[in-house]
C-alpha atoms as a PDB file:
ATOM      1  CA  MET A   1      17.866   8.633  -3.059  1.00  0.00           C
ATOM      2  CA  ARG A   2      16.288   6.130  -0.879  1.00  0.00           C
ATOM      3  CA  ILE A   3      12.488   5.393  -0.641  1.00  0.00           C
ATOM      4  CA  VAL A   4      11.011   3.405   2.222  1.00  0.00           C
ATOM      5  CA  SER A   5       7.506   2.300   2.341  1.00  0.00           C
ATOM      6  CA  GLY A   6       5.431  -0.318   4.063  1.00  0.00           C
ATOM      7  CA  ILE A   7       2.150  -2.017   3.569  1.00  0.00           C
ATOM      8  CA  GLN A   8      -0.041  -3.946   6.089  1.00  0.00           C
ATOM      9  CA  PRO A   9      -0.451  -7.648   5.145  1.00  0.00           C
ATOM     10  CA  THR A  10      -4.365  -7.873   4.792  1.00  0.00           C
ATOM     11  CA  GLY A  11      -4.719 -11.013   2.663  1.00  0.00           C
ATOM     12  CA  ASN A  12      -6.390 -11.359  -0.590  1.00  0.00           C
ATOM     13  CA  LEU A  13      -6.147  -8.303  -2.724  1.00  0.00           C
ATOM     14  CA  HIS A  14      -8.378  -6.784  -5.283  1.00  0.00           C
ATOM     15  CA  LEU A  15      -8.365  -4.687  -8.236  1.00  0.00           C
ATOM     16  CA  GLY A  16      -8.617  -1.402  -6.132  1.00  0.00           C
ATOM     17  CA  ASN A  17      -5.550  -2.336  -4.144  1.00  0.00           C
ATOM     18  CA  TYR A  18      -3.458  -3.229  -7.190  1.00  0.00           C
ATOM     19  CA  LEU A  19      -4.499   0.173  -8.884  1.00  0.00           C
ATOM     20  CA  GLY A  20      -3.441   2.007  -5.811  1.00  0.00           C
ATOM     21  CA  ALA A  21      -0.288   1.498  -3.517  1.00  0.00           C
ATOM     22  CA  ILE A  22       1.047  -1.708  -5.310  1.00  0.00           C
ATOM     23  CA  ARG A  23       1.068  -0.073  -8.784  1.00  0.00           C
ATOM     24  CA  ASN A  24       2.904   3.027  -7.245  1.00  0.00           C
ATOM     25  CA  TRP A  25       5.491   0.997  -5.759  1.00  0.00           C
ATOM     26  CA  VAL A  26       6.176  -0.632  -9.254  1.00  0.00           C
ATOM     27  CA  ARG A  27       6.485   2.673 -10.791  1.00  0.00           C
ATOM     28  CA  MET A  28       8.821   3.964  -8.077  1.00  0.00           C
ATOM     29  CA  GLN A  29      10.929   0.750  -8.454  1.00  0.00           C
ATOM     30  CA  ASP A  30      11.005   1.191 -12.193  1.00  0.00           C
ATOM     31  CA  GLU A  31      11.922   4.824 -12.131  1.00  0.00           C
ATOM     32  CA  MET A  32      14.544   4.661  -9.334  1.00  0.00           C
ATOM     33  CA  PRO A  33      17.900   5.826 -10.584  1.00  0.00           C
ATOM     34  CA  ALA A  34      20.807   3.354 -10.561  1.00  0.00           C
ATOM     35  CA  ASP A  35      22.440   4.798  -7.406  1.00  0.00           C
ATOM     36  CA  GLY A  36      18.964   4.867  -5.649  1.00  0.00           C
ATOM     37  CA  GLU A  37      17.210   2.099  -3.548  1.00  0.00           C
ATOM     38  CA  CYS A  38      13.546   1.143  -2.811  1.00  0.00           C
ATOM     39  CA  LEU A  39      12.752  -0.745   0.419  1.00  0.00           C
ATOM     40  CA  PHE A  40       9.353  -2.215   0.631  1.00  0.00           C
ATOM     41  CA  PHE A  41       8.315  -4.177   3.723  1.00  0.00           C
ATOM     42  CA  LEU A  42       5.168  -6.086   5.079  1.00  0.00           C
ATOM     43  CA  ALA A  43       4.286  -4.222   8.221  1.00  0.00           C
ATOM     44  CA  ASP A  44       3.486  -7.272  10.311  1.00  0.00           C
ATOM     45  CA  LEU A  45       4.394  -5.517  13.455  1.00  0.00           C
ATOM     46  CA  HIS A  46       2.069  -2.715  12.752  1.00  0.00           C
ATOM     47  CA  ALA A  47      -0.707  -5.302  11.931  1.00  0.00           C
ATOM     48  CA  ILE A  48      -0.834  -6.742  15.717  1.00  0.00           C
ATOM     49  CA  THR A  49      -1.922  -3.184  17.080  1.00  0.00           C
ATOM     50  CA  VAL A  50      -5.369  -4.759  16.605  1.00  0.00           C
ATOM     51  CA  HIS A  51      -6.533  -8.354  17.356  1.00  0.00           C
ATOM     52  CA  ASN A  52      -5.680 -10.827  14.528  1.00  0.00           C
ATOM     53  CA  ASP A  53      -6.317 -14.583  14.327  1.00  0.00           C
ATOM     54  CA  PRO A  54      -2.681 -15.848  14.339  1.00  0.00           C
ATOM     55  CA  ALA A  55      -3.063 -18.253  11.718  1.00  0.00           C
ATOM     56  CA  MET A  56      -4.843 -15.796   9.494  1.00  0.00           C
ATOM     57  CA  LEU A  57      -2.260 -13.099   9.861  1.00  0.00           C
ATOM     58  CA  ALA A  58       0.648 -15.771   8.992  1.00  0.00           C
ATOM     59  CA  ALA A  59      -1.282 -16.725   5.984  1.00  0.00           C
ATOM     60  CA  ASN A  60      -2.047 -13.121   4.980  1.00  0.00           C
ATOM     61  CA  ILE A  61       1.782 -12.275   5.250  1.00  0.00           C
ATOM     62  CA  ARG A  62       2.606 -14.919   2.621  1.00  0.00           C
ATOM     63  CA  GLU A  63      -0.216 -14.132   0.515  1.00  0.00           C
ATOM     64  CA  MET A  64       0.499 -10.396   0.439  1.00  0.00           C
ATOM     65  CA  ALA A  65       4.305 -11.080  -0.371  1.00  0.00           C
ATOM     66  CA  ALA A  66       3.189 -13.195  -3.334  1.00  0.00           C
ATOM     67  CA  THR A  67       0.900 -10.655  -4.593  1.00  0.00           C
ATOM     68  CA  ILE A  68       3.394  -7.771  -4.263  1.00  0.00           C
ATOM     69  CA  ILE A  69       5.889  -9.882  -6.440  1.00  0.00           C
ATOM     70  CA  ALA A  70       3.318 -11.097  -8.922  1.00  0.00           C
ATOM     71  CA  CYS A  71       2.165  -7.310  -9.443  1.00  0.00           C
ATOM     72  CA  GLY A  72       5.706  -6.373 -10.489  1.00  0.00           C
ATOM     73  CA  ILE A  73       8.022  -5.790  -7.448  1.00  0.00           C
ATOM     74  CA  ASP A  74      11.368  -7.494  -8.591  1.00  0.00           C
ATOM     75  CA  PRO A  75      13.142  -8.607  -5.242  1.00  0.00           C
ATOM     76  CA  ALA A  76      16.471  -8.301  -7.114  1.00  0.00           C
ATOM     77  CA  ARG A  77      15.901  -4.457  -7.870  1.00  0.00           C
ATOM     78  CA  ALA A  78      14.169  -3.656  -4.771  1.00  0.00           C
ATOM     79  CA  ILE A  79      14.548  -4.818  -1.255  1.00  0.00           C
ATOM     80  CA  LEU A  80      11.330  -6.604  -0.044  1.00  0.00           C
ATOM     81  CA  PHE A  81      11.021  -8.013   3.465  1.00  0.00           C
ATOM     82  CA  ARG A  82       9.120  -8.804   6.453  1.00  0.00           C
ATOM     83  CA  GLN A  83       9.222  -5.966   9.128  1.00  0.00           C
ATOM     84  CA  ARG A  84       9.689  -8.517  12.070  1.00  0.00           C
ATOM     85  CA  HIS A  85      12.507 -10.100  10.358  1.00  0.00           C
ATOM     86  CA  VAL A  86      14.633  -6.830  10.957  1.00  0.00           C
ATOM     87  CA  PRO A  87      14.626  -6.429  14.677  1.00  0.00           C
ATOM     88  CA  ALA A  88      16.146  -2.986  14.422  1.00  0.00           C
ATOM     89  CA  HIS A  89      12.641  -1.666  13.584  1.00  0.00           C
ATOM     90  CA  ALA A  90      11.363  -2.719  16.998  1.00  0.00           C
ATOM     91  CA  GLU A  91      14.566  -1.649  18.946  1.00  0.00           C
ATOM     92  CA  LEU A  92      14.856   1.820  17.286  1.00  0.00           C
ATOM     93  CA  SER A  93      11.214   2.481  17.860  1.00  0.00           C
ATOM     94  CA  TRP A  94      11.775   1.962  21.726  1.00  0.00           C
ATOM     95  CA  LEU A  95      14.670   4.339  21.669  1.00  0.00           C
ATOM     96  CA  LEU A  96      12.537   6.860  19.811  1.00  0.00           C
ATOM     97  CA  ASN A  97       9.930   6.548  22.388  1.00  0.00           C
ATOM     98  CA  GLY A  98      12.062   8.513  24.647  1.00  0.00           C
ATOM     99  CA  THR A  99      12.108  11.347  22.114  1.00  0.00           C
ATOM    100  CA  ALA A 100       8.477  11.373  20.943  1.00  0.00           C
ATOM    101  CA  ARG A 101       6.177  13.262  23.208  1.00  0.00           C
ATOM    102  CA  ILE A 102       2.586  12.152  24.366  1.00  0.00           C
ATOM    103  CA  GLY A 103       1.145  15.695  23.022  1.00  0.00           C
ATOM    104  CA  TRP A 104       2.391  15.049  19.593  1.00  0.00           C
ATOM    105  CA  LEU A 105       0.840  11.319  19.569  1.00  0.00           C
ATOM    106  CA  ASN A 106      -2.376  13.068  21.083  1.00  0.00           C
ATOM    107  CA  ARG A 107      -2.641  15.124  17.972  1.00  0.00           C
ATOM    108  CA  MET A 108      -2.734  12.109  15.537  1.00  0.00           C
ATOM    109  CA  THR A 109      -6.109  12.037  13.768  1.00  0.00           C
ATOM    110  CA  GLN A 110      -5.525   8.422  12.655  1.00  0.00           C
ATOM    111  CA  PHE A 111      -5.680   7.253  16.415  1.00  0.00           C
ATOM    112  CA  LYS A 112      -8.815   9.265  17.078  1.00  0.00           C
ATOM    113  CA  GLU A 113     -10.609   7.834  14.076  1.00  0.00           C
ATOM    114  CA  LYS A 114      -9.418   4.075  14.736  1.00  0.00           C
ATOM    115  CA  SER A 115     -10.069   4.166  18.304  1.00  0.00           C
ATOM    116  CA  GLY A 116     -13.508   5.758  18.049  1.00  0.00           C
ATOM    117  CA  LYS A 117     -15.330   6.206  21.342  1.00  0.00           C
ATOM    118  CA  ASN A 118     -13.389   3.414  22.883  1.00  0.00           C
ATOM    119  CA  ARG A 119     -10.214   5.349  23.263  1.00  0.00           C
ATOM    120  CA  GLU A 120      -9.353   4.116  26.639  1.00  0.00           C
ATOM    121  CA  GLY A 121      -9.866   0.429  25.327  1.00  0.00           C
ATOM    122  CA  ALA A 122      -7.474   0.837  22.586  1.00  0.00           C
ATOM    123  CA  SER A 123      -4.169  -0.797  22.507  1.00  0.00           C
ATOM    124  CA  VAL A 124      -0.884   1.021  23.401  1.00  0.00           C
ATOM    125  CA  GLY A 125       0.418  -0.039  20.227  1.00  0.00           C
ATOM    126  CA  LEU A 126      -2.428   1.612  18.242  1.00  0.00           C
ATOM    127  CA  PHE A 127      -1.479   4.674  20.048  1.00  0.00           C
ATOM    128  CA  ALA A 128       2.267   4.595  19.652  1.00  0.00           C
ATOM    129  CA  TYR A 129       2.462   2.908  16.259  1.00  0.00           C
ATOM    130  CA  PRO A 130       3.551   6.240  14.529  1.00  0.00           C
ATOM    131  CA  VAL A 131       6.703   5.909  16.599  1.00  0.00           C
ATOM    132  CA  LEU A 132       7.312   2.693  14.815  1.00  0.00           C
ATOM    133  CA  GLN A 133       6.563   4.258  11.593  1.00  0.00           C
ATOM    134  CA  ALA A 134       9.162   6.828  12.198  1.00  0.00           C
ATOM    135  CA  ALA A 135      11.512   4.185  13.084  1.00  0.00           C
ATOM    136  CA  ASP A 136      10.821   2.351   9.891  1.00  0.00           C
ATOM    137  CA  VAL A 137      12.073   5.054   7.813  1.00  0.00           C
ATOM    138  CA  LEU A 138      14.642   6.995  10.039  1.00  0.00           C
ATOM    139  CA  LEU A 139      16.400   3.435  10.459  1.00  0.00           C
ATOM    140  CA  TYR A 140      17.370   3.465   6.742  1.00  0.00           C
ATOM    141  CA  GLN A 141      18.131   7.240   6.353  1.00  0.00           C
ATOM    142  CA  ALA A 142      15.368   7.338   3.967  1.00  0.00           C
ATOM    143  CA  THR A 143      15.358  10.488   1.935  1.00  0.00           C
ATOM    144  CA  HIS A 144      11.744   9.968   0.631  1.00  0.00           C
ATOM    145  CA  VAL A 145       8.639   8.319   1.780  1.00  0.00           C
ATOM    146  CA  PRO A 146       5.469   7.892  -0.434  1.00  0.00           C
ATOM    147  CA  VAL A 147       2.478   9.130   1.516  1.00  0.00           C
ATOM    148  CA  GLY A 148      -1.208   9.660   0.887  1.00  0.00           C
ATOM    149  CA  ASP A 149      -3.411  12.473   2.579  1.00  0.00           C
ATOM    150  CA  ASP A 150      -3.914   9.938   5.581  1.00  0.00           C
ATOM    151  CA  GLN A 151      -0.239   9.639   6.346  1.00  0.00           C
ATOM    152  CA  LYS A 152       1.110  13.193   5.778  1.00  0.00           C
ATOM    153  CA  GLN A 153       0.832  13.935   9.614  1.00  0.00           C
ATOM    154  CA  HIS A 154       2.784  10.783  10.484  1.00  0.00           C
ATOM    155  CA  LEU A 155       5.635  11.788   8.297  1.00  0.00           C
ATOM    156  CA  GLU A 156       5.757  15.129   9.841  1.00  0.00           C
ATOM    157  CA  LEU A 157       6.032  13.347  13.264  1.00  0.00           C
ATOM    158  CA  ALA A 158       9.066  11.203  11.930  1.00  0.00           C
ATOM    159  CA  ARG A 159      10.650  14.603  10.886  1.00  0.00           C
ATOM    160  CA  ASP A 160       9.821  16.067  14.432  1.00  0.00           C
ATOM    161  CA  ILE A 161      11.230  13.163  16.209  1.00  0.00           C
ATOM    162  CA  ALA A 162      14.384  13.108  14.095  1.00  0.00           C
ATOM    163  CA  THR A 163      15.029  16.765  14.582  1.00  0.00           C
ATOM    164  CA  LYS A 164      14.617  16.494  18.399  1.00  0.00           C
ATOM    165  CA  PHE A 165      16.736  13.418  18.561  1.00  0.00           C
ATOM    166  CA  ASN A 166      19.454  15.127  16.620  1.00  0.00           C
ATOM    167  CA  ALA A 167      19.245  18.334  18.705  1.00  0.00           C
ATOM    168  CA  ASP A 168      19.018  16.248  22.093  1.00  0.00           C
ATOM    169  CA  THR A 169      22.173  14.229  21.304  1.00  0.00           C
ATOM    170  CA  GLY A 170      24.156  16.729  19.546  1.00  0.00           C
ATOM    171  CA  THR A 171      24.395  14.609  16.576  1.00  0.00           C
ATOM    172  CA  ASP A 172      23.223  14.727  12.887  1.00  0.00           C
ATOM    173  CA  LEU A 173      22.279  11.159  12.971  1.00  0.00           C
ATOM    174  CA  PHE A 174      18.823  10.859  11.209  1.00  0.00           C
ATOM    175  CA  THR A 175      18.136  12.243   7.637  1.00  0.00           C
ATOM    176  CA  LEU A 176      14.803  14.043   7.637  1.00  0.00           C
ATOM    177  CA  PRO A 177      12.666  12.370   4.974  1.00  0.00           C
ATOM    178  CA  ASP A 178      10.622  14.310   2.485  1.00  0.00           C
ATOM    179  CA  PRO A 179       7.403  13.148   1.225  1.00  0.00           C
ATOM    180  CA  ILE A 180       6.596  11.730  -2.278  1.00  0.00           C
ATOM    181  CA  ILE A 181       3.113  12.401  -3.315  1.00  0.00           C
ATOM    182  CA  PRO A 182       2.372   9.450  -5.604  1.00  0.00           C
ATOM    183  CA  PRO A 183       0.280  10.218  -8.751  1.00  0.00           C
ATOM    184  CA  ALA A 184      -3.300  10.040  -7.815  1.00  0.00           C
ATOM    185  CA  ALA A 185      -4.519   6.635  -7.811  1.00  0.00           C
ATOM    186  CA  ALA A 186      -7.877   5.720  -9.372  1.00  0.00           C
ATOM    187  CA  ARG A 187     -10.512   5.528  -6.900  1.00  0.00           C
ATOM    188  CA  ILE A 188     -12.115   2.178  -7.657  1.00  0.00           C
ATOM    189  CA  MET A 189     -15.647   1.689  -6.447  1.00  0.00           C
ATOM    190  CA  SER A 190     -17.681  -1.363  -5.862  1.00  0.00           C
ATOM    191  CA  LEU A 191     -19.066  -3.003  -8.924  1.00  0.00           C
ATOM    192  CA  ARG A 192     -22.627  -3.269  -7.140  1.00  0.00           C
ATOM    193  CA  ASP A 193     -22.511   0.312  -5.789  1.00  0.00           C
ATOM    194  CA  GLY A 194     -20.728   3.165  -7.363  1.00  0.00           C
ATOM    195  CA  THR A 195     -20.829   5.166  -4.142  1.00  0.00           C
ATOM    196  CA  ALA A 196     -18.807   2.749  -2.078  1.00  0.00           C
ATOM    197  CA  LYS A 197     -15.387   1.802  -2.322  1.00  0.00           C
ATOM    198  CA  MET A 198     -14.285  -1.623  -3.632  1.00  0.00           C
ATOM    199  CA  SER A 199     -13.444  -3.581  -0.417  1.00  0.00           C
ATOM    200  CA  LYS A 200     -12.831  -7.168   0.509  1.00  0.00           C
ATOM    201  CA  SER A 201     -15.093  -6.754   3.561  1.00  0.00           C
ATOM    202  CA  ASP A 202     -18.166  -6.344   1.283  1.00  0.00           C
ATOM    203  CA  PRO A 203     -20.348  -9.360   1.757  1.00  0.00           C
ATOM    204  CA  SER A 204     -20.881  -9.712  -2.039  1.00  0.00           C
ATOM    205  CA  ASP A 205     -17.979 -11.235  -3.892  1.00  0.00           C
ATOM    206  CA  ALA A 206     -19.547  -9.820  -7.086  1.00  0.00           C
ATOM    207  CA  SER A 207     -18.694  -6.333  -5.775  1.00  0.00           C
ATOM    208  CA  ARG A 208     -14.937  -6.672  -6.377  1.00  0.00           C
ATOM    209  CA  ILE A 209     -12.501  -8.331  -8.812  1.00  0.00           C
ATOM    210  CA  ALA A 210      -9.834 -10.354  -6.777  1.00  0.00           C
ATOM    211  CA  LEU A 211      -6.470 -10.666  -8.118  1.00  0.00           C
ATOM    212  CA  THR A 212      -6.961 -14.415  -7.960  1.00  0.00           C
ATOM    213  CA  ASP A 213     -10.019 -14.387 -10.306  1.00  0.00           C
ATOM    214  CA  ASP A 214      -9.795 -16.327 -13.358  1.00  0.00           C
ATOM    215  CA  ALA A 215     -10.703 -14.852 -16.896  1.00  0.00           C
ATOM    216  CA  ASP A 216     -14.207 -16.200 -16.888  1.00  0.00           C
ATOM    217  CA  THR A 217     -15.061 -14.850 -13.469  1.00  0.00           C
ATOM    218  CA  ILE A 218     -13.561 -11.271 -14.192  1.00  0.00           C
ATOM    219  CA  ALA A 219     -15.720 -11.184 -17.410  1.00  0.00           C
ATOM    220  CA  ALA A 220     -18.791 -12.298 -15.573  1.00  0.00           C
ATOM    221  CA  LYS A 221     -18.452  -9.871 -12.678  1.00  0.00           C
ATOM    222  CA  ILE A 222     -17.842  -6.836 -15.150  1.00  0.00           C
ATOM    223  CA  ARG A 223     -20.982  -8.171 -17.306  1.00  0.00           C
ATOM    224  CA  LYS A 224     -23.154  -7.987 -14.248  1.00  0.00           C
ATOM    225  CA  ALA A 225     -21.653  -4.690 -12.843  1.00  0.00           C
ATOM    226  CA  LYS A 226     -24.322  -2.208 -11.950  1.00  0.00           C
ATOM    227  CA  SER A 227     -24.457   0.357 -14.757  1.00  0.00           C
ATOM    228  CA  ASP A 228     -27.278   2.368 -16.124  1.00  0.00           C
ATOM    229  CA  ALA A 229     -29.311   2.645 -19.475  1.00  0.00           C
ATOM    230  CA  ASP A 230     -27.762   5.870 -20.887  1.00  0.00           C
ATOM    231  CA  ALA A 231     -25.093   5.853 -23.530  1.00  0.00           C
ATOM    232  CA  LEU A 232     -21.613   7.081 -22.561  1.00  0.00           C
ATOM    233  CA  PRO A 233     -21.148  10.867 -23.070  1.00  0.00           C
ATOM    234  CA  ALA A 234     -18.242  12.471 -24.753  1.00  0.00           C
ATOM    235  CA  THR A 235     -16.559  13.972 -21.614  1.00  0.00           C
ATOM    236  CA  ALA A 236     -16.118  12.786 -17.939  1.00  0.00           C
ATOM    237  CA  ALA A 237     -17.699  15.767 -16.625  1.00  0.00           C
ATOM    238  CA  GLU A 238     -20.991  14.466 -18.044  1.00  0.00           C
ATOM    239  CA  LEU A 239     -20.622  11.474 -15.631  1.00  0.00           C
ATOM    240  CA  ALA A 240     -20.905  13.543 -12.446  1.00  0.00           C
ATOM    241  CA  ASP A 241     -24.297  12.261 -11.485  1.00  0.00           C
ATOM    242  CA  ARG A 242     -23.819   8.657 -12.859  1.00  0.00           C
ATOM    243  CA  PRO A 243     -21.712   6.970 -10.360  1.00  0.00           C
ATOM    244  CA  GLU A 244     -21.789   3.440 -11.678  1.00  0.00           C
ATOM    245  CA  ALA A 245     -20.953   4.618 -15.167  1.00  0.00           C
ATOM    246  CA  ARG A 246     -18.124   6.913 -13.912  1.00  0.00           C
ATOM    247  CA  ASN A 247     -16.629   3.779 -11.906  1.00  0.00           C
ATOM    248  CA  LEU A 248     -16.656   1.591 -14.978  1.00  0.00           C
ATOM    249  CA  VAL A 249     -15.027   4.328 -17.101  1.00  0.00           C
ATOM    250  CA  GLY A 250     -12.497   5.065 -14.369  1.00  0.00           C
ATOM    251  CA  ILE A 251     -11.516   1.343 -14.079  1.00  0.00           C
ATOM    252  CA  TYR A 252     -10.949   1.212 -18.046  1.00  0.00           C
ATOM    253  CA  ALA A 253      -8.792   4.450 -17.712  1.00  0.00           C
ATOM    254  CA  ALA A 254      -6.741   3.038 -14.723  1.00  0.00           C
ATOM    255  CA  LEU A 255      -6.233  -0.281 -16.375  1.00  0.00           C
ATOM    256  CA  ALA A 256      -5.240   1.349 -19.804  1.00  0.00           C
ATOM    257  CA  GLY A 257      -3.088   4.096 -18.098  1.00  0.00           C
ATOM    258  CA  VAL A 258      -5.252   7.041 -19.755  1.00  0.00           C
ATOM    259  CA  THR A 259      -7.601   9.593 -18.561  1.00  0.00           C
ATOM    260  CA  PRO A 260     -11.433   9.035 -18.357  1.00  0.00           C
ATOM    261  CA  ASP A 261     -11.757  11.681 -21.261  1.00  0.00           C
ATOM    262  CA  GLN A 262      -9.391   9.661 -23.486  1.00  0.00           C
ATOM    263  CA  VAL A 263     -11.692   6.468 -22.716  1.00  0.00           C
ATOM    264  CA  LEU A 264     -14.746   8.353 -23.660  1.00  0.00           C
ATOM    265  CA  ALA A 265     -13.225   9.882 -26.895  1.00  0.00           C
ATOM    266  CA  THR A 266     -13.157   6.348 -28.175  1.00  0.00           C
ATOM    267  CA  HIS A 267     -16.401   5.101 -26.539  1.00  0.00           C
ATOM    268  CA  ALA A 268     -18.786   7.936 -26.546  1.00  0.00           C
ATOM    269  CA  GLY A 269     -22.039   7.092 -27.848  1.00  0.00           C
ATOM    270  CA  GLN A 270     -21.696   3.314 -26.766  1.00  0.00           C
ATOM    271  CA  GLY A 271     -24.134   1.730 -24.450  1.00  0.00           C
ATOM    272  CA  PHE A 272     -22.746  -0.672 -21.693  1.00  0.00           C
ATOM    273  CA  GLY A 273     -23.669  -3.822 -23.913  1.00  0.00           C
ATOM    274  CA  SER A 274     -20.605  -2.663 -25.953  1.00  0.00           C
ATOM    275  CA  PHE A 275     -18.456  -1.075 -23.409  1.00  0.00           C
ATOM    276  CA  LYS A 276     -18.442  -3.729 -20.719  1.00  0.00           C
ATOM    277  CA  PRO A 277     -17.121  -6.405 -23.198  1.00  0.00           C
ATOM    278  CA  ALA A 278     -14.180  -4.141 -24.032  1.00  0.00           C
ATOM    279  CA  LEU A 279     -13.542  -3.359 -20.277  1.00  0.00           C
ATOM    280  CA  ALA A 280     -13.712  -7.212 -19.546  1.00  0.00           C
ATOM    281  CA  ASP A 281     -11.112  -7.993 -22.379  1.00  0.00           C
ATOM    282  CA  LEU A 282      -8.684  -5.025 -21.011  1.00  0.00           C
ATOM    283  CA  ALA A 283      -9.007  -6.463 -17.285  1.00  0.00           C
ATOM    284  CA  VAL A 284      -8.366  -9.898 -18.255  1.00  0.00           C
ATOM    285  CA  GLU A 285      -5.340  -8.841 -20.325  1.00  0.00           C
ATOM    286  CA  THR A 286      -4.031  -7.005 -17.527  1.00  0.00           C
ATOM    287  CA  LEU A 287      -4.848  -9.169 -14.500  1.00  0.00           C
ATOM    288  CA  SER A 288      -4.410 -12.770 -15.922  1.00  0.00           C
ATOM    289  CA  PRO A 289      -0.567 -12.677 -15.884  1.00  0.00           C
ATOM    290  CA  ILE A 290      -0.593 -11.383 -12.371  1.00  0.00           C
ATOM    291  CA  ARG A 291      -2.967 -14.065 -11.513  1.00  0.00           C
ATOM    292  CA  ASP A 292      -0.609 -16.762 -12.960  1.00  0.00           C
ATOM    293  CA  ARG A 293       2.533 -15.400 -11.212  1.00  0.00           C
ATOM    294  CA  LEU A 294       0.411 -15.131  -7.875  1.00  0.00           C
ATOM    295  CA  LEU A 295      -0.621 -18.831  -8.311  1.00  0.00           C
ATOM    296  CA  THR A 296       3.008 -19.921  -8.919  1.00  0.00           C
ATOM    297  CA  PHE A 297       4.223 -18.235  -5.696  1.00  0.00           C
ATOM    298  CA  ARG A 298       1.469 -19.797  -3.718  1.00  0.00           C
ATOM    299  CA  ALA A 299       2.538 -23.280  -4.889  1.00  0.00           C
ATOM    300  CA  ASP A 300       6.005 -22.702  -3.931  1.00  0.00           C
ATOM    301  CA  PRO A 301       6.189 -20.965  -0.353  1.00  0.00           C
ATOM    302  CA  ALA A 302       9.677 -22.175   0.206  1.00  0.00           C
ATOM    303  CA  GLU A 303      10.909 -19.808  -2.795  1.00  0.00           C
ATOM    304  CA  LEU A 304       8.824 -17.034  -1.343  1.00  0.00           C
ATOM    305  CA  ASP A 305      10.265 -17.339   2.065  1.00  0.00           C
ATOM    306  CA  ARG A 306      13.633 -17.483   0.566  1.00  0.00           C
ATOM    307  CA  LEU A 307      13.114 -14.151  -1.368  1.00  0.00           C
ATOM    308  CA  LEU A 308      11.819 -12.531   1.877  1.00  0.00           C
ATOM    309  CA  ALA A 309      14.741 -13.740   3.996  1.00  0.00           C
ATOM    310  CA  ASP A 310      17.167 -12.522   1.473  1.00  0.00           C
ATOM    311  CA  GLY A 311      15.508  -9.131   1.301  1.00  0.00           C
ATOM    312  CA  ALA A 312      15.741  -9.129   5.310  1.00  0.00           C
ATOM    313  CA  ALA A 313      19.335  -9.752   5.276  1.00  0.00           C
ATOM    314  CA  ARG A 314      19.952  -6.871   2.985  1.00  0.00           C
ATOM    315  CA  ALA A 315      17.825  -4.650   5.210  1.00  0.00           C
ATOM    316  CA  ARG A 316      19.449  -5.622   8.476  1.00  0.00           C
ATOM    317  CA  THR A 317      22.849  -4.720   6.645  1.00  0.00           C
ATOM    318  CA  LEU A 318      21.430  -1.313   5.901  1.00  0.00           C
ATOM    319  CA  ALA A 319      19.869  -0.823   9.214  1.00  0.00           C
ATOM    320  CA  ALA A 320      23.080  -1.917  11.520  1.00  0.00           C
ATOM    321  CA  PRO A 321      24.894   1.393  11.248  1.00  0.00           C
ATOM    322  CA  THR A 322      21.928   3.660  12.104  1.00  0.00           C
ATOM    323  CA  LEU A 323      20.855   1.519  15.206  1.00  0.00           C
ATOM    324  CA  ALA A 324      24.442   1.364  16.563  1.00  0.00           C
ATOM    325  CA  ALA A 325      24.818   4.946  16.161  1.00  0.00           C
ATOM    326  CA  ALA A 326      21.425   5.676  17.900  1.00  0.00           C
ATOM    327  CA  TYR A 327      22.412   3.533  20.844  1.00  0.00           C
ATOM    328  CA  SER A 328      25.804   5.253  21.061  1.00  0.00           C
ATOM    329  CA  ALA A 329      24.242   8.798  20.853  1.00  0.00           C
ATOM    330  CA  LEU A 330      22.154   7.809  23.975  1.00  0.00           C
ATOM    331  CA  GLY A 331      25.110   6.559  25.716  1.00  0.00           C
ATOM    332  CA  LEU A 332      23.939   2.995  25.669  1.00  0.00           C
END
């Protein structure tokens, strides 16, 4: 079993990011059988499909790497690397461009959503990046790829490209990867608006808990989080029309690794004057060790670069046979 997954380097992460993709990565690493492998990469080549400030992108790459390791990814157990440090990603992507079809890419809904009404003004990279995504996983003969609802279509494209390449070249080069549907991640909403997702783009810092927040800041943000005046009910179903209450209970459940109904079994009848301090204590207990590790890596960028370079060397070794076989299959 070989799992491959990437994440775009977006800089400072918050509680919602941790409880989503990154915690699923940690779970996959921890549950991987001894004869399996996890490859996790920072998708810095994907990041340039839209405009970035170069200095900010460079800083975001390091910050994301530090955060991933701080959250529990062990570079000794998983292969963690930067995409651009393995040139085979870009090379194989170009080879696969000869197999992928414009009609297939025209059906990709994410391009339509991201380009909006300015489709003619979007970059070629934004249009073609699903081919690079295919290369990202086919390069390593991935057997499984974790996908959410928004990426299922792209994995199907990768399988289509692999199937056509194999058929066109009369080879059985590429493994067709199967999807892994991760456990449903908690949908973490803004602390100021229970109907909007927690986001670093929200102008209010009080709307989110950053992974770099200290214990006092976390407690203060939860104390000031929007709630309501009613007591907590006995079941999660009774929170359907109480978005802020539902969000706070959901955050507690996600941090504790239990269901909202289990949270309410303990806290039913309480008001938020009692519940918020309990939530704050749990959040501080969970996030403080992550913050400490993150700050340690921030203070030692040379060690962070060493770990990424080591991961890239291991990834290049795994990638080389597939890339060489692809060139050979095409007569190059």
